[in-house]
Amino acid sequence: MINLQVRILNLYLERSAACSKASAIQRPSFLLEQSMDPSKFFDAVRSTVFNGKLSQAQVNGMNALLSECDAQTLTPSMTAYVLATAFHETAQTMQPIAEYGKGKGRPYGKPGHNGGQIPYGRGFVQTTGDTNYERTDRELALDGRLITDYDLLLTDIEIAARAAVEGMKEGWYTGKKLSDYFNAKITDYVNARKIINGTDKAALIAGYAKKFFSALAA
């Protein structure tokens, strides 16, 4: 499905660059099920979230996350919060990145017990610490691949997307999970930050999430 979406969104970007309207595009399953038009979604986020410019790399990153949100049957509000978290944690690149400073001065910023690799933050949501890499490997059934090479969270966008979405859904990082803040009774974009990192930048990320949610409904 990812290849299909990339072809669709490549076409969209090409048409946008030529200042022509993308239309009559077959929608991939996630967008169809959420009653979304991909061209409207990307037009909306380009304007409201990305300050008028949207690169192919940013599209590809969102595409990978949307596909995994689809696979995990997340609601639109959950999906919006995943996208907002990735937007913040990747410095707006929407690509898996390494933590700035690579953990220097932090407890996890030194060689760990898996081949001396330094378990600084990597990926869409900045997985840190040997135990979190080990859990991610186990939960994603990677059979030791991630334990052997932490950089898979940088080089394999599908693994990075799975780690981000499944981790947030299941509460791998702090014990808090998406359903704690997005359910039939509440939609709490601010406190949802506790899924990843306490209340750090909670209001800022909540603002991004609301914009992504509006784009999902465009």
Protein backbone atom coordinates (compact mmCIF):
# COMPACT_ATOMS: atom_id res chain seq x y z
CA MET A 1 0.00 0.00 0.00
CA ILE A 2 2.90 2.36 0.72
CA ASN A 3 4.15 2.17 -2.88
CA LEU A 4 0.66 2.99 -4.13
CA GLN A 5 0.43 5.98 -1.81
CA VAL A 6 3.86 7.25 -2.83
CA ARG A 7 2.86 7.10 -6.49
CA ILE A 8 -0.35 8.95 -5.72
CA LEU A 9 1.37 11.62 -3.69
CA ASN A 10 4.24 11.99 -6.15
CA LEU A 11 1.60 12.75 -8.74
CA TYR A 12 0.02 15.24 -6.38
CA LEU A 13 3.30 17.07 -5.77
CA GLU A 14 4.12 17.15 -9.48
CA ARG A 15 0.75 18.66 -10.23
CA SER A 16 1.04 21.13 -7.38
CA ALA A 17 4.46 22.23 -8.60
CA ALA A 18 2.93 22.85 -12.00
CA CYS A 19 0.17 24.89 -10.31
CA SER A 20 -2.53 22.56 -11.51
CA LYS A 21 -5.25 21.00 -9.40
CA ALA A 22 -4.85 17.35 -8.40
CA SER A 23 -8.14 15.64 -9.07
CA ALA A 24 -9.70 12.25 -9.79
CA ILE A 25 -6.95 10.52 -7.81
CA GLN A 26 -7.71 7.07 -6.43
CA ARG A 27 -7.42 7.24 -2.65
CA PRO A 28 -5.53 4.63 -0.64
CA SER A 29 -7.50 2.76 1.99
CA PHE A 30 -6.66 4.92 5.01
CA LEU A 31 -7.73 8.09 3.23
CA LEU A 32 -10.83 6.47 1.83
CA GLU A 33 -11.95 5.12 5.19
CA GLN A 34 -11.49 8.51 6.82
CA SER A 35 -13.41 10.21 3.97
CA MET A 36 -10.26 12.07 3.02
CA ASP A 37 -9.06 13.54 -0.21
CA PRO A 38 -5.23 13.28 -0.21
CA SER A 39 -4.77 16.44 -2.24
CA LYS A 40 -6.92 18.39 0.22
CA PHE A 41 -5.05 16.92 3.19
CA PHE A 42 -1.65 17.85 1.81
CA ASP A 43 -2.85 21.26 0.64
CA ALA A 44 -4.11 21.90 4.17
CA VAL A 45 -0.99 20.80 6.04
CA ARG A 46 1.28 22.60 3.61
CA SER A 47 -0.55 25.81 4.40
CA THR A 48 -1.28 25.47 8.11
CA VAL A 49 1.59 23.34 9.42
CA PHE A 50 4.50 23.62 6.98
CA ASN A 51 4.44 27.36 6.25
CA GLY A 52 3.54 27.00 2.60
CA LYS A 53 6.27 24.52 1.59
CA LEU A 54 6.08 20.73 1.56
CA SER A 55 8.93 18.50 0.37
CA GLN A 56 8.74 14.99 -1.01
CA ALA A 57 10.62 13.73 2.06
CA GLN A 58 7.97 15.25 4.33
CA VAL A 59 5.22 13.66 2.25
CA ASN A 60 6.96 10.29 2.38
CA GLY A 61 7.30 10.50 6.15
CA MET A 62 3.65 11.35 6.66
CA ASN A 63 2.73 8.63 4.19
CA ALA A 64 4.60 6.01 6.25
CA LEU A 65 2.96 7.18 9.46
CA LEU A 66 -0.52 7.32 7.91
CA SER A 67 -0.11 3.78 6.61
CA GLU A 68 0.83 2.53 10.06
CA CYS A 69 -2.01 4.48 11.69
CA ASP A 70 -4.29 2.72 9.23
CA ALA A 71 -2.80 -0.66 10.11
CA GLN A 72 -3.29 0.06 13.82
CA THR A 73 -6.89 1.32 13.25
CA LEU A 74 -6.27 4.64 14.97
CA THR A 75 -8.99 7.26 15.11
CA PRO A 76 -8.47 10.60 13.34
CA SER A 77 -7.68 12.37 16.62
CA MET A 78 -5.09 9.74 17.52
CA THR A 79 -3.63 9.95 14.03
CA ALA A 80 -3.42 13.72 14.28
CA TYR A 81 -1.52 13.44 17.54
CA VAL A 82 0.93 10.92 16.09
CA LEU A 83 1.63 13.26 13.18
CA ALA A 84 2.02 16.23 15.51
CA THR A 85 4.44 14.33 17.73
CA ALA A 86 6.53 13.29 14.74
CA PHE A 87 6.48 16.87 13.42
CA HIS A 88 7.91 18.11 16.71
CA GLU A 89 10.34 15.28 17.44
CA THR A 90 11.85 15.28 13.93
CA ALA A 91 12.36 19.06 13.84
CA GLN A 92 9.58 19.30 11.22
CA THR A 93 11.37 17.05 8.72
CA MET A 94 8.86 14.18 9.10
CA GLN A 95 11.82 11.84 8.68
CA PRO A 96 13.43 9.66 11.36
CA ILE A 97 16.32 11.62 12.86
CA ALA A 98 19.06 11.22 15.44
CA GLU A 99 18.81 13.20 18.65
CA TYR A 100 20.72 16.47 18.55
CA GLY A 101 23.85 16.04 20.63
CA LYS A 102 23.41 12.25 20.55
CA GLY A 103 22.70 12.02 24.25
CA LYS A 104 25.74 13.98 25.40
CA GLY A 105 25.48 14.68 29.12
CA ARG A 106 22.54 12.30 29.61
CA PRO A 107 22.59 8.89 31.30
CA TYR A 108 21.93 7.14 27.97
CA GLY A 109 24.59 9.14 26.12
CA LYS A 110 27.34 6.60 26.59
CA PRO A 111 28.03 3.14 25.13
CA GLY A 112 25.44 0.64 26.28
CA HIS A 113 25.40 -3.11 26.64
CA ASN A 114 24.42 -3.99 23.06
CA GLY A 115 27.75 -3.96 21.28
CA GLY A 116 28.71 -0.61 22.75
CA GLN A 117 26.07 1.26 20.75
CA ILE A 118 25.00 4.58 22.28
CA PRO A 119 21.22 4.45 22.84
CA TYR A 120 20.54 8.12 22.12
CA GLY A 121 17.25 9.15 20.56
CA ARG A 122 16.48 7.88 17.09
CA GLY A 123 13.39 7.66 14.93
CA PHE A 124 10.12 9.57 14.67
CA VAL A 125 9.68 9.79 18.46
CA GLN A 126 13.28 9.57 19.70
CA THR A 127 13.58 6.13 21.27
CA THR A 128 16.26 6.26 24.00
CA GLY A 129 17.92 3.77 26.33
CA ASP A 130 18.96 0.17 25.78
CA THR A 131 15.81 -1.21 27.38
CA ASN A 132 13.56 0.76 25.03
CA TYR A 133 15.48 -0.44 21.97
CA GLU A 134 15.22 -3.98 23.28
CA ARG A 135 11.48 -3.65 23.86
CA THR A 136 10.96 -2.17 20.42
CA ASP A 137 12.84 -5.07 18.86
CA ARG A 138 10.73 -7.54 20.83
CA GLU A 139 7.36 -5.88 20.21
CA LEU A 140 7.99 -5.54 16.47
CA ALA A 141 9.27 -9.13 16.25
CA LEU A 142 12.52 -8.00 14.66
CA ASP A 143 14.44 -11.01 15.97
CA GLY A 144 17.38 -9.00 17.23
CA ARG A 145 17.86 -6.84 14.16
CA LEU A 146 17.31 -3.62 16.08
CA ILE A 147 19.39 -4.77 19.04
CA THR A 148 22.25 -5.39 16.59
CA ASP A 149 21.75 -2.08 14.78
CA TYR A 150 20.01 0.79 16.58
CA ASP A 151 20.31 2.85 13.41
CA LEU A 152 17.48 0.85 11.84
CA LEU A 153 15.24 3.47 13.44
CA LEU A 154 16.98 5.97 11.16
CA THR A 155 17.45 3.99 7.98
CA ASP A 156 14.23 1.95 7.74
CA ILE A 157 11.27 4.32 7.63
CA GLU A 158 8.71 1.54 7.92
CA ILE A 159 10.29 0.20 11.12
CA ALA A 160 10.52 3.76 12.46
CA ALA A 161 6.84 4.34 11.69
CA ARG A 162 5.80 1.07 13.30
CA ALA A 163 7.82 1.91 16.43
CA ALA A 164 6.26 5.36 16.69
CA VAL A 165 2.65 4.34 16.12
CA GLU A 166 2.60 1.03 17.98
CA GLY A 167 4.65 2.50 20.82
CA MET A 168 2.25 5.39 21.28
CA LYS A 169 -0.77 3.12 20.94
CA GLU A 170 0.46 0.56 23.46
CA GLY A 171 2.24 2.86 25.92
CA TRP A 172 5.80 1.59 25.48
CA TYR A 173 7.54 4.83 26.36
CA THR A 174 6.00 6.12 29.59
CA GLY A 175 3.15 3.73 30.30
CA LYS A 176 0.67 6.26 28.93
CA LYS A 177 -1.05 5.40 25.65
CA LEU A 178 -3.21 7.07 23.01
CA SER A 179 -6.47 5.63 24.29
CA ASP A 180 -5.87 7.30 27.66
CA TYR A 181 -6.37 10.68 26.01
CA PHE A 182 -8.50 9.92 22.94
CA ASN A 183 -11.65 7.93 23.55
CA ALA A 184 -15.42 8.25 23.59
CA LYS A 185 -15.29 10.58 26.60
CA ILE A 186 -12.27 12.81 26.02
CA THR A 187 -10.01 14.32 23.40
CA ASP A 188 -7.04 15.76 25.26
CA TYR A 189 -4.29 16.94 22.94
CA VAL A 190 -2.41 18.70 25.75
CA ASN A 191 -2.04 15.91 28.29
CA ALA A 192 -1.39 13.39 25.53
CA ARG A 193 2.19 14.64 25.62
CA LYS A 194 2.62 12.35 28.64
CA ILE A 195 2.72 9.46 26.17
CA ILE A 196 6.21 10.59 25.16
CA ASN A 197 7.73 13.18 27.46
CA GLY A 198 5.77 14.51 30.43
CA THR A 199 4.43 17.97 29.68
CA ASP A 200 7.40 19.26 27.68
CA LYS A 201 6.07 21.51 24.88
CA ALA A 202 2.62 20.03 25.46
CA ALA A 203 0.63 23.09 24.40
CA LEU A 204 2.77 23.64 21.31
CA ILE A 205 2.33 20.06 20.11
CA ALA A 206 -1.39 20.20 20.91
CA GLY A 207 -1.64 23.13 18.53
CA TYR A 208 0.04 21.14 15.77
CA ALA A 209 -2.30 18.22 16.42
CA LYS A 210 -5.39 20.37 16.01
CA LYS A 211 -4.11 21.55 12.64
CA PHE A 212 -3.40 18.01 11.52
CA PHE A 213 -6.87 16.95 12.66
CA SER A 214 -8.47 19.73 10.62
CA ALA A 215 -6.45 18.62 7.59
CA LEU A 216 -7.55 15.01 8.05
CA ALA A 217 -11.14 16.23 7.90
CA ALA A 218 -10.55 18.50 4.89
